[in-house]
N, C-alpha and C. Protein backbone atom coordinates (compact mmCIF):
# COMPACT_ATOMS: atom_id res chain seq x y z
N UNK A 1 12.92 -3.50 47.74
CA UNK A 1 12.97 -2.23 48.44
C UNK A 1 11.69 -1.46 48.11
N UNK A 2 11.01 -0.96 49.11
CA UNK A 2 9.78 -0.20 48.89
C UNK A 2 10.11 1.20 48.41
N UNK A 3 9.10 1.86 47.87
CA UNK A 3 9.29 3.23 47.38
C UNK A 3 9.76 4.14 48.51
N UNK A 4 9.16 3.97 49.69
CA UNK A 4 9.53 4.83 50.82
C UNK A 4 10.96 4.60 51.25
N UNK A 5 11.47 3.39 51.04
CA UNK A 5 12.83 3.08 51.48
C UNK A 5 13.88 3.45 50.44
N UNK A 6 13.46 3.79 49.21
CA UNK A 6 14.41 4.17 48.17
C UNK A 6 15.08 5.48 48.53
N UNK A 7 16.32 5.59 48.14
CA UNK A 7 17.07 6.80 48.41
C UNK A 7 16.58 7.93 47.50
N UNK A 8 16.43 9.11 48.04
CA UNK A 8 16.00 10.27 47.28
C UNK A 8 17.17 10.73 46.40
N UNK A 9 16.86 11.01 45.14
CA UNK A 9 17.89 11.47 44.21
C UNK A 9 18.37 12.85 44.63
N UNK A 10 19.67 13.04 44.67
CA UNK A 10 20.24 14.32 45.04
C UNK A 10 20.56 15.11 43.79
N UNK A 11 20.39 16.42 43.87
CA UNK A 11 20.69 17.31 42.76
C UNK A 11 22.02 18.00 43.02
N UNK A 12 22.83 18.17 41.98
CA UNK A 12 24.09 18.88 42.18
C UNK A 12 23.83 20.36 42.43
N UNK A 13 24.63 20.95 43.26
CA UNK A 13 24.55 22.38 43.54
C UNK A 13 25.69 23.06 42.79
N UNK A 14 25.37 23.95 41.90
CA UNK A 14 26.40 24.62 41.11
C UNK A 14 26.70 25.98 41.73
N UNK A 15 27.96 26.19 42.08
CA UNK A 15 28.41 27.47 42.63
C UNK A 15 29.70 27.87 41.93
N UNK A 16 30.05 29.13 42.05
CA UNK A 16 31.28 29.61 41.43
C UNK A 16 32.49 29.03 42.18
N UNK A 17 33.66 29.01 41.54
CA UNK A 17 34.85 28.40 42.16
C UNK A 17 35.23 29.00 43.51
N UNK A 18 35.09 30.30 43.69
CA UNK A 18 35.44 30.92 44.97
C UNK A 18 34.53 30.43 46.09
N UNK A 19 33.22 30.32 45.79
CA UNK A 19 32.27 29.83 46.79
C UNK A 19 32.54 28.36 47.09
N UNK A 20 32.86 27.58 46.06
CA UNK A 20 33.17 26.17 46.24
C UNK A 20 34.37 26.00 47.18
N UNK A 21 35.36 26.86 47.01
CA UNK A 21 36.55 26.80 47.87
C UNK A 21 36.18 27.13 49.32
N UNK A 22 35.34 28.15 49.51
CA UNK A 22 34.89 28.50 50.86
C UNK A 22 34.13 27.34 51.51
N UNK A 23 33.26 26.71 50.72
CA UNK A 23 32.49 25.58 51.25
C UNK A 23 33.44 24.45 51.66
N UNK A 24 34.40 24.13 50.81
CA UNK A 24 35.34 23.05 51.10
C UNK A 24 36.16 23.34 52.36
N UNK A 25 36.69 24.54 52.45
CA UNK A 25 37.51 24.90 53.60
C UNK A 25 36.68 24.94 54.88
N UNK A 26 35.52 25.58 54.81
CA UNK A 26 34.66 25.66 55.99
C UNK A 26 34.23 24.30 56.47
N UNK A 27 33.81 23.44 55.56
CA UNK A 27 33.38 22.10 55.93
C UNK A 27 34.52 21.33 56.58
N UNK A 28 35.70 21.42 55.99
CA UNK A 28 36.86 20.71 56.53
C UNK A 28 37.15 21.13 57.98
N UNK A 29 37.23 22.41 58.22
CA UNK A 29 37.60 22.89 59.55
C UNK A 29 36.48 22.76 60.57
N UNK A 30 35.25 22.59 60.11
CA UNK A 30 34.13 22.35 61.03
C UNK A 30 33.86 20.87 61.21
N UNK A 31 34.59 20.04 60.51
CA UNK A 31 34.39 18.60 60.62
C UNK A 31 33.09 18.13 59.99
N UNK A 32 32.63 18.85 58.97
CA UNK A 32 31.40 18.49 58.27
C UNK A 32 31.74 18.00 56.87
N UNK A 33 30.77 17.39 56.21
CA UNK A 33 30.97 17.04 54.82
C UNK A 33 30.67 18.26 53.97
N UNK A 34 31.25 18.29 52.77
CA UNK A 34 31.02 19.41 51.86
C UNK A 34 29.60 19.39 51.32
N UNK A 35 29.11 18.21 51.01
CA UNK A 35 27.77 18.10 50.44
C UNK A 35 27.02 16.99 51.15
N UNK A 36 25.73 16.91 50.87
CA UNK A 36 24.91 15.88 51.48
C UNK A 36 25.46 14.50 51.13
N UNK A 37 25.62 13.68 52.16
CA UNK A 37 26.02 12.30 51.93
C UNK A 37 25.03 11.42 52.65
N UNK A 38 25.45 10.69 53.63
CA UNK A 38 24.53 9.81 54.35
C UNK A 38 23.51 10.60 55.16
N UNK A 39 23.94 11.71 55.71
CA UNK A 39 23.04 12.50 56.55
C UNK A 39 23.09 13.96 56.14
N UNK A 40 21.96 14.51 55.63
CA UNK A 40 21.95 15.93 55.27
C UNK A 40 22.28 16.84 56.45
N UNK A 41 22.08 16.38 57.67
CA UNK A 41 22.38 17.19 58.85
C UNK A 41 23.87 17.44 59.00
N UNK A 42 24.71 16.57 58.39
CA UNK A 42 26.15 16.73 58.53
C UNK A 42 26.76 17.56 57.41
N UNK A 43 25.92 18.13 56.56
CA UNK A 43 26.40 18.88 55.42
C UNK A 43 26.57 20.37 55.74
N UNK A 44 27.72 20.92 55.37
CA UNK A 44 27.96 22.35 55.57
C UNK A 44 26.98 23.17 54.74
N UNK A 45 26.71 22.73 53.52
CA UNK A 45 25.81 23.47 52.63
C UNK A 45 24.39 23.46 53.20
N UNK A 46 23.91 22.29 53.63
CA UNK A 46 22.55 22.19 54.18
C UNK A 46 22.41 23.06 55.42
N UNK A 47 23.42 23.02 56.28
CA UNK A 47 23.38 23.83 57.50
C UNK A 47 23.40 25.32 57.18
N UNK A 48 24.20 25.72 56.19
CA UNK A 48 24.28 27.13 55.79
C UNK A 48 22.96 27.62 55.20
N UNK A 49 22.34 26.78 54.38
CA UNK A 49 21.05 27.17 53.78
C UNK A 49 19.99 27.33 54.86
N UNK A 50 19.94 26.39 55.81
CA UNK A 50 18.97 26.50 56.91
C UNK A 50 19.19 27.79 57.70
N UNK A 51 20.44 28.11 58.02
CA UNK A 51 20.74 29.32 58.79
C UNK A 51 20.38 30.58 57.99
N UNK A 52 20.70 30.59 56.71
CA UNK A 52 20.41 31.75 55.86
C UNK A 52 18.90 31.98 55.77
N UNK A 53 18.15 30.93 55.52
CA UNK A 53 16.69 31.08 55.40
C UNK A 53 16.06 31.46 56.73
N UNK A 54 16.62 30.98 57.82
CA UNK A 54 16.10 31.38 59.14
C UNK A 54 16.33 32.87 59.36
N UNK A 55 17.50 33.37 58.98
CA UNK A 55 17.80 34.80 59.12
C UNK A 55 16.90 35.65 58.23
N UNK A 56 16.49 35.11 57.09
CA UNK A 56 15.68 35.86 56.13
C UNK A 56 14.20 35.49 56.21
N UNK A 57 13.80 34.86 57.32
CA UNK A 57 12.42 34.37 57.47
C UNK A 57 11.38 35.46 57.21
N UNK A 58 11.58 36.65 57.73
CA UNK A 58 10.61 37.73 57.54
C UNK A 58 10.54 38.16 56.09
N UNK A 59 11.69 38.21 55.41
CA UNK A 59 11.70 38.54 53.99
C UNK A 59 10.94 37.48 53.19
N UNK A 60 11.15 36.22 53.52
CA UNK A 60 10.43 35.13 52.86
C UNK A 60 8.93 35.26 53.08
N UNK A 61 8.54 35.51 54.32
CA UNK A 61 7.12 35.63 54.64
C UNK A 61 6.50 36.79 53.87
N UNK A 62 7.19 37.92 53.84
CA UNK A 62 6.67 39.09 53.12
C UNK A 62 6.50 38.79 51.63
N UNK A 63 7.48 38.11 51.05
CA UNK A 63 7.39 37.76 49.64
C UNK A 63 6.23 36.83 49.35
N UNK A 64 6.01 35.85 50.23
CA UNK A 64 4.90 34.93 50.04
C UNK A 64 3.56 35.64 50.19
N UNK A 65 3.45 36.50 51.19
CA UNK A 65 2.20 37.25 51.39
C UNK A 65 1.91 38.14 50.20
N UNK A 66 2.94 38.80 49.69
CA UNK A 66 2.76 39.68 48.52
C UNK A 66 2.30 38.88 47.30
N UNK A 67 2.94 37.73 47.07
CA UNK A 67 2.55 36.89 45.93
C UNK A 67 1.12 36.38 46.08
N UNK A 68 0.77 35.95 47.28
CA UNK A 68 -0.58 35.44 47.50
C UNK A 68 -1.64 36.53 47.40
N UNK A 69 -1.28 37.77 47.76
CA UNK A 69 -2.26 38.85 47.71
C UNK A 69 -2.62 39.18 46.26
N UNK A 70 -1.71 38.90 45.34
CA UNK A 70 -1.97 39.16 43.93
C UNK A 70 -2.91 38.10 43.36
N UNK A 71 -2.80 36.89 43.83
CA UNK A 71 -3.59 35.79 43.28
C UNK A 71 -4.96 35.71 43.95
N UNK A 72 -5.98 36.17 43.23
CA UNK A 72 -7.34 36.10 43.77
C UNK A 72 -8.22 35.17 42.94
N UNK A 73 -7.60 34.43 42.01
CA UNK A 73 -8.35 33.51 41.18
C UNK A 73 -8.83 34.10 39.87
N UNK A 74 -8.58 35.38 39.65
CA UNK A 74 -9.05 36.02 38.42
C UNK A 74 -7.96 35.97 37.35
N UNK A 75 -8.39 36.10 36.11
CA UNK A 75 -7.46 36.15 34.99
C UNK A 75 -6.57 37.39 35.10
N UNK A 76 -7.15 38.49 35.55
CA UNK A 76 -6.37 39.73 35.72
C UNK A 76 -5.23 39.52 36.71
N UNK A 77 -5.49 38.85 37.81
CA UNK A 77 -4.42 38.63 38.79
C UNK A 77 -3.33 37.73 38.21
N UNK A 78 -3.72 36.74 37.39
CA UNK A 78 -2.72 35.89 36.74
C UNK A 78 -1.83 36.72 35.81
N UNK A 79 -2.45 37.58 35.02
CA UNK A 79 -1.69 38.43 34.09
C UNK A 79 -0.80 39.39 34.86
N UNK A 80 -1.30 39.95 35.96
CA UNK A 80 -0.49 40.85 36.79
C UNK A 80 0.76 40.13 37.29
N UNK A 81 0.58 38.91 37.78
CA UNK A 81 1.71 38.17 38.33
C UNK A 81 2.72 37.81 37.24
N UNK A 82 2.22 37.41 36.08
CA UNK A 82 3.12 37.00 35.00
C UNK A 82 3.83 38.16 34.33
N UNK A 83 3.18 39.32 34.25
CA UNK A 83 3.76 40.45 33.51
C UNK A 83 4.39 41.51 34.39
N UNK A 84 3.97 41.58 35.65
CA UNK A 84 4.45 42.63 36.52
C UNK A 84 3.67 43.92 36.37
N UNK A 85 2.63 43.90 35.53
CA UNK A 85 1.79 45.09 35.34
C UNK A 85 0.80 45.23 36.49
N UNK A 86 0.38 46.45 36.75
CA UNK A 86 -0.67 46.68 37.74
C UNK A 86 -2.03 46.54 37.07
N UNK A 87 -3.09 46.43 37.85
CA UNK A 87 -4.45 46.35 37.29
C UNK A 87 -4.76 47.60 36.47
N UNK A 88 -4.30 48.76 36.93
CA UNK A 88 -4.52 50.01 36.21
C UNK A 88 -3.81 50.00 34.86
N UNK A 89 -2.60 49.47 34.81
CA UNK A 89 -1.86 49.40 33.55
C UNK A 89 -2.55 48.44 32.58
N UNK A 90 -3.08 47.35 33.08
CA UNK A 90 -3.80 46.40 32.23
C UNK A 90 -5.06 47.06 31.68
N UNK A 91 -5.78 47.78 32.55
CA UNK A 91 -6.99 48.50 32.10
C UNK A 91 -6.64 49.56 31.05
N UNK A 92 -5.50 50.22 31.20
CA UNK A 92 -5.10 51.28 30.28
C UNK A 92 -4.84 50.76 28.87
N UNK A 93 -4.50 49.48 28.74
CA UNK A 93 -4.25 48.92 27.41
C UNK A 93 -5.42 48.07 26.92
N UNK A 94 -6.58 48.25 27.51
CA UNK A 94 -7.76 47.57 27.03
C UNK A 94 -8.39 46.58 28.00
N UNK A 95 -7.69 46.29 29.08
CA UNK A 95 -8.24 45.40 30.09
C UNK A 95 -8.33 43.95 29.64
N UNK A 96 -8.96 43.15 30.48
CA UNK A 96 -9.12 41.72 30.23
C UNK A 96 -10.55 41.34 30.49
N UNK A 97 -11.13 40.60 29.54
CA UNK A 97 -12.49 40.10 29.77
C UNK A 97 -12.38 38.80 30.54
N UNK A 98 -12.99 38.75 31.70
CA UNK A 98 -12.93 37.56 32.56
C UNK A 98 -13.82 36.48 32.06
């Protein structure tokens, strides 16, 4: 079997018991599987995640743009992203030598 033909390892999805019950009931009544099996397209969870992310597409885009705007390749931008501090706050405590 070639590498491309090998099955991709699936990761377990951990949810609280109430959510697990909703997933089970919804999948049953929609005629879908509860989790990914032979076809991820037939999974209630996969379909729900796709729908949720599609509904939140603008929020995702905004978050990505905001994160990318912080990263300009400088050490200061790295520290800002890791700490949540602004450039002014970093300067106020002594700044960073690039």
